N, C-alpha and C. Protein backbone atom coordinates (compact mmCIF):
# COMPACT_ATOMS: atom_id res chain seq x y z
N MET A 1 7.70 -4.92 -24.25
CA MET A 1 8.37 -5.58 -23.14
C MET A 1 9.44 -6.50 -23.73
N ASP A 2 10.66 -6.36 -23.23
CA ASP A 2 11.73 -7.20 -23.76
C ASP A 2 11.78 -8.54 -23.00
N SER A 3 12.65 -9.41 -23.46
CA SER A 3 12.69 -10.77 -22.89
C SER A 3 13.12 -10.79 -21.43
N SER A 4 14.02 -9.88 -21.04
CA SER A 4 14.44 -9.87 -19.63
C SER A 4 13.29 -9.42 -18.72
N GLN A 5 12.48 -8.50 -19.21
CA GLN A 5 11.32 -8.06 -18.43
C GLN A 5 10.30 -9.19 -18.31
N LYS A 6 10.10 -9.93 -19.40
CA LYS A 6 9.19 -11.08 -19.36
C LYS A 6 9.71 -12.13 -18.38
N THR A 7 11.03 -12.34 -18.41
CA THR A 7 11.63 -13.31 -17.49
C THR A 7 11.43 -12.89 -16.05
N PHE A 8 11.63 -11.61 -15.77
CA PHE A 8 11.44 -11.10 -14.41
C PHE A 8 10.01 -11.33 -13.95
N LEU A 9 9.05 -10.96 -14.77
CA LEU A 9 7.65 -11.15 -14.40
C LEU A 9 7.31 -12.63 -14.23
N ALA A 10 7.88 -13.48 -15.06
CA ALA A 10 7.65 -14.91 -14.93
C ALA A 10 8.20 -15.43 -13.61
N HIS A 11 9.37 -14.93 -13.21
CA HIS A 11 9.94 -15.34 -11.92
C HIS A 11 9.05 -14.88 -10.76
N LEU A 12 8.56 -13.64 -10.84
CA LEU A 12 7.67 -13.16 -9.78
C LEU A 12 6.40 -13.99 -9.72
N GLU A 13 5.83 -14.27 -10.87
CA GLU A 13 4.60 -15.06 -10.93
C GLU A 13 4.82 -16.47 -10.36
N GLU A 14 5.95 -17.07 -10.68
CA GLU A 14 6.29 -18.39 -10.16
C GLU A 14 6.41 -18.36 -8.64
N ARG A 15 7.08 -17.35 -8.12
CA ARG A 15 7.23 -17.22 -6.67
C ARG A 15 5.87 -16.99 -6.00
N GLU A 16 5.02 -16.16 -6.60
CA GLU A 16 3.68 -15.92 -6.05
C GLU A 16 2.89 -17.22 -5.98
N LYS A 17 2.98 -18.02 -7.03
CA LYS A 17 2.28 -19.30 -7.06
C LYS A 17 2.79 -20.22 -5.94
N ASP A 18 4.11 -20.31 -5.79
CA ASP A 18 4.70 -21.15 -4.74
C ASP A 18 4.26 -20.69 -3.35
N ILE A 19 4.28 -19.39 -3.13
CA ILE A 19 3.90 -18.84 -1.83
C ILE A 19 2.42 -19.11 -1.55
N THR A 20 1.58 -18.94 -2.55
CA THR A 20 0.14 -19.19 -2.39
C THR A 20 -0.11 -20.64 -2.01
N GLN A 21 0.59 -21.56 -2.68
CA GLN A 21 0.44 -22.99 -2.37
C GLN A 21 0.93 -23.30 -0.96
N ARG A 22 2.04 -22.71 -0.59
CA ARG A 22 2.59 -22.95 0.75
C ARG A 22 1.64 -22.41 1.82
N ALA A 23 1.07 -21.23 1.59
CA ALA A 23 0.13 -20.64 2.56
C ALA A 23 -1.10 -21.54 2.71
N ALA A 24 -1.59 -22.06 1.60
CA ALA A 24 -2.76 -22.95 1.66
C ALA A 24 -2.42 -24.24 2.41
N ARG A 25 -1.24 -24.79 2.15
CA ARG A 25 -0.82 -26.01 2.84
C ARG A 25 -0.71 -25.78 4.34
N PHE A 26 -0.11 -24.67 4.72
CA PHE A 26 0.00 -24.34 6.15
C PHE A 26 -1.39 -24.20 6.79
N ARG A 27 -2.29 -23.54 6.07
CA ARG A 27 -3.65 -23.35 6.59
C ARG A 27 -4.33 -24.71 6.79
N GLU A 28 -4.18 -25.60 5.80
CA GLU A 28 -4.77 -26.94 5.89
C GLU A 28 -4.18 -27.75 7.04
N GLU A 29 -2.91 -27.52 7.34
CA GLU A 29 -2.22 -28.23 8.41
C GLU A 29 -2.48 -27.60 9.78
N GLY A 30 -3.28 -26.55 9.81
CA GLY A 30 -3.58 -25.89 11.07
C GLY A 30 -2.47 -24.98 11.55
N ARG A 31 -1.59 -24.59 10.65
CA ARG A 31 -0.47 -23.71 10.99
C ARG A 31 -0.83 -22.29 10.57
N ALA A 32 -1.77 -21.73 11.31
CA ALA A 32 -2.37 -20.44 10.94
C ALA A 32 -1.35 -19.31 10.89
N ASP A 33 -0.49 -19.21 11.88
CA ASP A 33 0.50 -18.13 11.89
C ASP A 33 1.41 -18.20 10.68
N GLU A 34 1.89 -19.40 10.36
CA GLU A 34 2.77 -19.54 9.21
C GLU A 34 2.05 -19.20 7.91
N SER A 35 0.77 -19.52 7.84
CA SER A 35 -0.02 -19.17 6.66
C SER A 35 -0.13 -17.65 6.53
N VAL A 36 -0.36 -16.98 7.64
CA VAL A 36 -0.43 -15.52 7.64
C VAL A 36 0.89 -14.92 7.18
N PHE A 37 1.99 -15.46 7.65
CA PHE A 37 3.31 -14.95 7.26
C PHE A 37 3.54 -15.13 5.76
N GLU A 38 3.10 -16.25 5.21
CA GLU A 38 3.23 -16.46 3.77
C GLU A 38 2.35 -15.48 2.99
N ASN A 39 1.18 -15.17 3.54
CA ASN A 39 0.31 -14.20 2.87
C ASN A 39 0.92 -12.79 2.89
N ILE A 40 1.65 -12.47 3.94
CA ILE A 40 2.38 -11.20 3.99
C ILE A 40 3.43 -11.19 2.88
N ARG A 41 4.16 -12.28 2.77
CA ARG A 41 5.19 -12.41 1.73
C ARG A 41 4.55 -12.25 0.34
N LEU A 42 3.40 -12.91 0.14
CA LEU A 42 2.68 -12.81 -1.13
C LEU A 42 2.29 -11.37 -1.43
N ASN A 43 1.82 -10.67 -0.42
CA ASN A 43 1.42 -9.28 -0.59
C ASN A 43 2.59 -8.41 -1.08
N ILE A 44 3.77 -8.66 -0.57
CA ILE A 44 4.94 -7.89 -0.99
C ILE A 44 5.26 -8.19 -2.46
N TYR A 45 5.18 -9.45 -2.85
CA TYR A 45 5.38 -9.78 -4.26
C TYR A 45 4.35 -9.07 -5.13
N GLU A 46 3.10 -9.06 -4.69
CA GLU A 46 2.05 -8.41 -5.47
C GLU A 46 2.29 -6.90 -5.57
N ILE A 47 2.76 -6.29 -4.50
CA ILE A 47 3.06 -4.86 -4.53
C ILE A 47 4.11 -4.56 -5.59
N PHE A 48 5.19 -5.32 -5.58
CA PHE A 48 6.27 -5.02 -6.52
C PHE A 48 5.96 -5.46 -7.95
N THR A 49 5.07 -6.43 -8.12
CA THR A 49 4.60 -6.77 -9.46
C THR A 49 3.81 -5.59 -10.02
N THR A 50 2.99 -4.98 -9.18
CA THR A 50 2.23 -3.80 -9.58
C THR A 50 3.15 -2.63 -9.88
N VAL A 51 4.14 -2.42 -9.04
CA VAL A 51 5.10 -1.33 -9.25
C VAL A 51 5.82 -1.53 -10.59
N PHE A 52 6.19 -2.76 -10.89
CA PHE A 52 6.87 -3.03 -12.16
C PHE A 52 5.94 -2.71 -13.34
N GLY A 53 4.67 -3.06 -13.21
CA GLY A 53 3.69 -2.72 -14.25
C GLY A 53 3.58 -1.22 -14.45
N VAL A 54 3.60 -0.47 -13.37
CA VAL A 54 3.56 1.00 -13.45
C VAL A 54 4.83 1.51 -14.13
N ALA A 55 5.96 0.92 -13.78
CA ALA A 55 7.23 1.32 -14.39
C ALA A 55 7.18 1.10 -15.90
N GLU A 56 6.66 -0.04 -16.31
CA GLU A 56 6.54 -0.34 -17.74
C GLU A 56 5.64 0.68 -18.44
N LYS A 57 4.53 0.97 -17.81
CA LYS A 57 3.57 1.90 -18.40
C LYS A 57 4.17 3.30 -18.50
N ASN A 58 4.82 3.75 -17.43
CA ASN A 58 5.36 5.12 -17.40
C ASN A 58 6.62 5.30 -18.23
N CYS A 59 7.41 4.25 -18.35
CA CYS A 59 8.73 4.38 -19.00
C CYS A 59 8.74 3.86 -20.43
N GLY A 60 7.66 3.24 -20.86
CA GLY A 60 7.61 2.73 -22.22
C GLY A 60 8.78 1.80 -22.51
N GLY A 61 9.44 2.03 -23.61
CA GLY A 61 10.53 1.17 -24.01
C GLY A 61 11.89 1.61 -23.48
N ASP A 62 11.91 2.63 -22.63
CA ASP A 62 13.19 3.13 -22.11
C ASP A 62 13.64 2.23 -20.96
N ARG A 63 14.50 1.29 -21.28
CA ARG A 63 14.96 0.29 -20.32
C ARG A 63 15.66 0.92 -19.11
N ALA A 64 16.49 1.92 -19.36
CA ALA A 64 17.22 2.57 -18.26
C ALA A 64 16.25 3.29 -17.33
N ALA A 65 15.26 3.97 -17.90
CA ALA A 65 14.28 4.68 -17.07
C ALA A 65 13.47 3.68 -16.24
N LEU A 66 13.10 2.57 -16.85
CA LEU A 66 12.36 1.53 -16.12
C LEU A 66 13.19 1.01 -14.96
N ARG A 67 14.44 0.68 -15.24
CA ARG A 67 15.34 0.17 -14.20
C ARG A 67 15.47 1.18 -13.05
N ASP A 68 15.69 2.44 -13.41
CA ASP A 68 15.86 3.47 -12.38
C ASP A 68 14.58 3.67 -11.56
N PHE A 69 13.45 3.70 -12.25
CA PHE A 69 12.16 3.86 -11.57
C PHE A 69 11.94 2.72 -10.57
N PHE A 70 12.12 1.49 -11.05
CA PHE A 70 11.86 0.33 -10.19
C PHE A 70 12.81 0.30 -9.00
N LEU A 71 14.09 0.55 -9.26
CA LEU A 71 15.06 0.54 -8.15
C LEU A 71 14.78 1.64 -7.14
N GLN A 72 14.31 2.78 -7.61
CA GLN A 72 13.94 3.86 -6.70
C GLN A 72 12.79 3.41 -5.79
N LYS A 73 11.80 2.75 -6.37
CA LYS A 73 10.68 2.26 -5.57
C LYS A 73 11.13 1.13 -4.63
N MET A 74 12.13 0.34 -5.06
CA MET A 74 12.66 -0.72 -4.20
C MET A 74 13.34 -0.13 -2.97
N GLU A 75 13.79 1.10 -3.06
CA GLU A 75 14.38 1.80 -1.91
C GLU A 75 13.30 2.49 -1.08
N GLN A 76 12.38 3.18 -1.76
CA GLN A 76 11.38 4.00 -1.07
C GLN A 76 10.38 3.17 -0.27
N ILE A 77 9.82 2.18 -0.90
CA ILE A 77 8.72 1.43 -0.27
C ILE A 77 9.14 0.76 1.03
N PRO A 78 10.27 0.09 1.09
CA PRO A 78 10.65 -0.58 2.35
C PRO A 78 11.09 0.36 3.48
N GLU A 79 11.24 1.65 3.21
CA GLU A 79 11.69 2.56 4.25
C GLU A 79 10.79 2.52 5.48
N ASN A 80 9.48 2.54 5.28
CA ASN A 80 8.56 2.49 6.41
C ASN A 80 8.65 1.16 7.16
N TRP A 81 8.94 0.09 6.43
CA TRP A 81 9.10 -1.22 7.09
C TRP A 81 10.34 -1.22 7.96
N LYS A 82 11.40 -0.57 7.48
CA LYS A 82 12.63 -0.48 8.28
C LYS A 82 12.38 0.31 9.56
N LEU A 83 11.67 1.44 9.42
CA LEU A 83 11.35 2.25 10.59
C LEU A 83 10.48 1.48 11.58
N SER A 84 9.49 0.79 11.06
CA SER A 84 8.60 0.00 11.91
C SER A 84 9.36 -1.11 12.61
N PHE A 85 10.29 -1.74 11.92
CA PHE A 85 11.12 -2.78 12.52
C PHE A 85 11.92 -2.21 13.68
N GLU A 86 12.53 -1.05 13.47
CA GLU A 86 13.35 -0.43 14.52
C GLU A 86 12.51 -0.04 15.73
N LYS A 87 11.31 0.50 15.49
CA LYS A 87 10.41 0.85 16.61
C LYS A 87 10.01 -0.41 17.38
N ALA A 88 9.69 -1.46 16.66
CA ALA A 88 9.32 -2.72 17.31
C ALA A 88 10.48 -3.26 18.13
N LYS A 89 11.67 -3.12 17.61
CA LYS A 89 12.87 -3.58 18.32
C LYS A 89 13.05 -2.80 19.61
N GLU A 90 12.85 -1.48 19.54
CA GLU A 90 12.96 -0.63 20.72
C GLU A 90 11.96 -1.02 21.80
N HIS A 91 10.78 -1.46 21.37
CA HIS A 91 9.71 -1.80 22.31
C HIS A 91 9.67 -3.29 22.64
N GLY A 92 10.59 -4.04 22.09
CA GLY A 92 10.62 -5.47 22.38
C GLY A 92 9.45 -6.24 21.80
N ASP A 93 8.90 -5.76 20.69
CA ASP A 93 7.74 -6.39 20.05
C ASP A 93 8.23 -7.41 19.02
N ALA A 94 8.43 -8.63 19.47
CA ALA A 94 9.01 -9.67 18.61
C ALA A 94 8.11 -10.01 17.42
N LYS A 95 6.81 -10.02 17.64
CA LYS A 95 5.88 -10.35 16.54
C LYS A 95 5.97 -9.31 15.44
N LYS A 96 5.94 -8.04 15.81
CA LYS A 96 6.02 -6.97 14.82
C LYS A 96 7.38 -7.00 14.11
N MET A 97 8.43 -7.27 14.86
CA MET A 97 9.76 -7.38 14.26
C MET A 97 9.77 -8.50 13.21
N HIS A 98 9.14 -9.60 13.54
CA HIS A 98 9.10 -10.74 12.61
C HIS A 98 8.35 -10.37 11.33
N ILE A 99 7.21 -9.72 11.49
CA ILE A 99 6.40 -9.32 10.33
C ILE A 99 7.18 -8.34 9.44
N GLU A 100 7.76 -7.34 10.05
CA GLU A 100 8.52 -6.35 9.27
C GLU A 100 9.76 -7.00 8.66
N GLY A 101 10.35 -7.95 9.36
CA GLY A 101 11.49 -8.69 8.83
C GLY A 101 11.12 -9.49 7.59
N ILE A 102 9.93 -10.09 7.61
CA ILE A 102 9.44 -10.83 6.43
C ILE A 102 9.31 -9.88 5.24
N LYS A 103 8.75 -8.71 5.48
CA LYS A 103 8.58 -7.73 4.40
C LYS A 103 9.94 -7.33 3.82
N LEU A 104 10.88 -7.03 4.70
CA LEU A 104 12.20 -6.60 4.24
C LEU A 104 12.94 -7.72 3.52
N GLU A 105 12.85 -8.91 4.05
CA GLU A 105 13.50 -10.07 3.42
C GLU A 105 12.91 -10.32 2.03
N THR A 106 11.59 -10.22 1.93
CA THR A 106 10.92 -10.46 0.66
C THR A 106 11.29 -9.38 -0.36
N ALA A 107 11.33 -8.14 0.08
CA ALA A 107 11.74 -7.06 -0.82
C ALA A 107 13.16 -7.31 -1.34
N GLN A 108 14.03 -7.79 -0.48
CA GLN A 108 15.40 -8.09 -0.91
C GLN A 108 15.42 -9.24 -1.92
N GLU A 109 14.58 -10.26 -1.69
CA GLU A 109 14.48 -11.37 -2.64
C GLU A 109 14.08 -10.84 -4.02
N ILE A 110 13.10 -9.95 -4.04
CA ILE A 110 12.61 -9.40 -5.30
C ILE A 110 13.70 -8.57 -5.97
N ARG A 111 14.40 -7.79 -5.17
CA ARG A 111 15.50 -6.99 -5.73
C ARG A 111 16.57 -7.90 -6.34
N ASN A 112 16.89 -8.99 -5.67
CA ASN A 112 17.88 -9.93 -6.19
C ASN A 112 17.42 -10.52 -7.53
N ILE A 113 16.15 -10.89 -7.61
CA ILE A 113 15.61 -11.43 -8.87
C ILE A 113 15.69 -10.36 -9.96
N PHE A 114 15.32 -9.14 -9.61
CA PHE A 114 15.37 -8.03 -10.57
C PHE A 114 16.80 -7.84 -11.08
N GLU A 115 17.75 -7.81 -10.18
CA GLU A 115 19.13 -7.59 -10.58
C GLU A 115 19.65 -8.72 -11.47
N GLU A 116 19.22 -9.93 -11.20
CA GLU A 116 19.63 -11.06 -12.06
C GLU A 116 18.99 -10.99 -13.43
N ASP A 117 17.70 -10.64 -13.47
CA ASP A 117 16.96 -10.68 -14.73
C ASP A 117 17.08 -9.42 -15.58
N ILE A 118 17.13 -8.26 -14.93
CA ILE A 118 17.07 -6.98 -15.66
C ILE A 118 18.42 -6.33 -15.78
N MET A 119 19.19 -6.35 -14.74
CA MET A 119 20.46 -5.61 -14.74
C MET A 119 21.41 -6.33 -15.64
């Protein structure tokens, strides 16, 4: 693992820690919905941390292959969230739209971090 990959994982880990703390604080303050939304955000970070680990394992030291693999997954995985968001929009389901929006926003945050650290 090179230094940029370590930096990327450190950034993800830091964000996961922040999100976990925020979710706990919201829960303690009786802000259950906001805590749930933070847990959704945390789940997306965990998904892409796992995907990055798979990319490392499958691509070994080939930096270009790792980058391509991860970016491909960054496109594939959110596709269902985009579709779900559009269906919710068609049906006027604001709660579902919000949840899918959190997932999409979080995936974009992760992609931005990846592009800064790896690209």
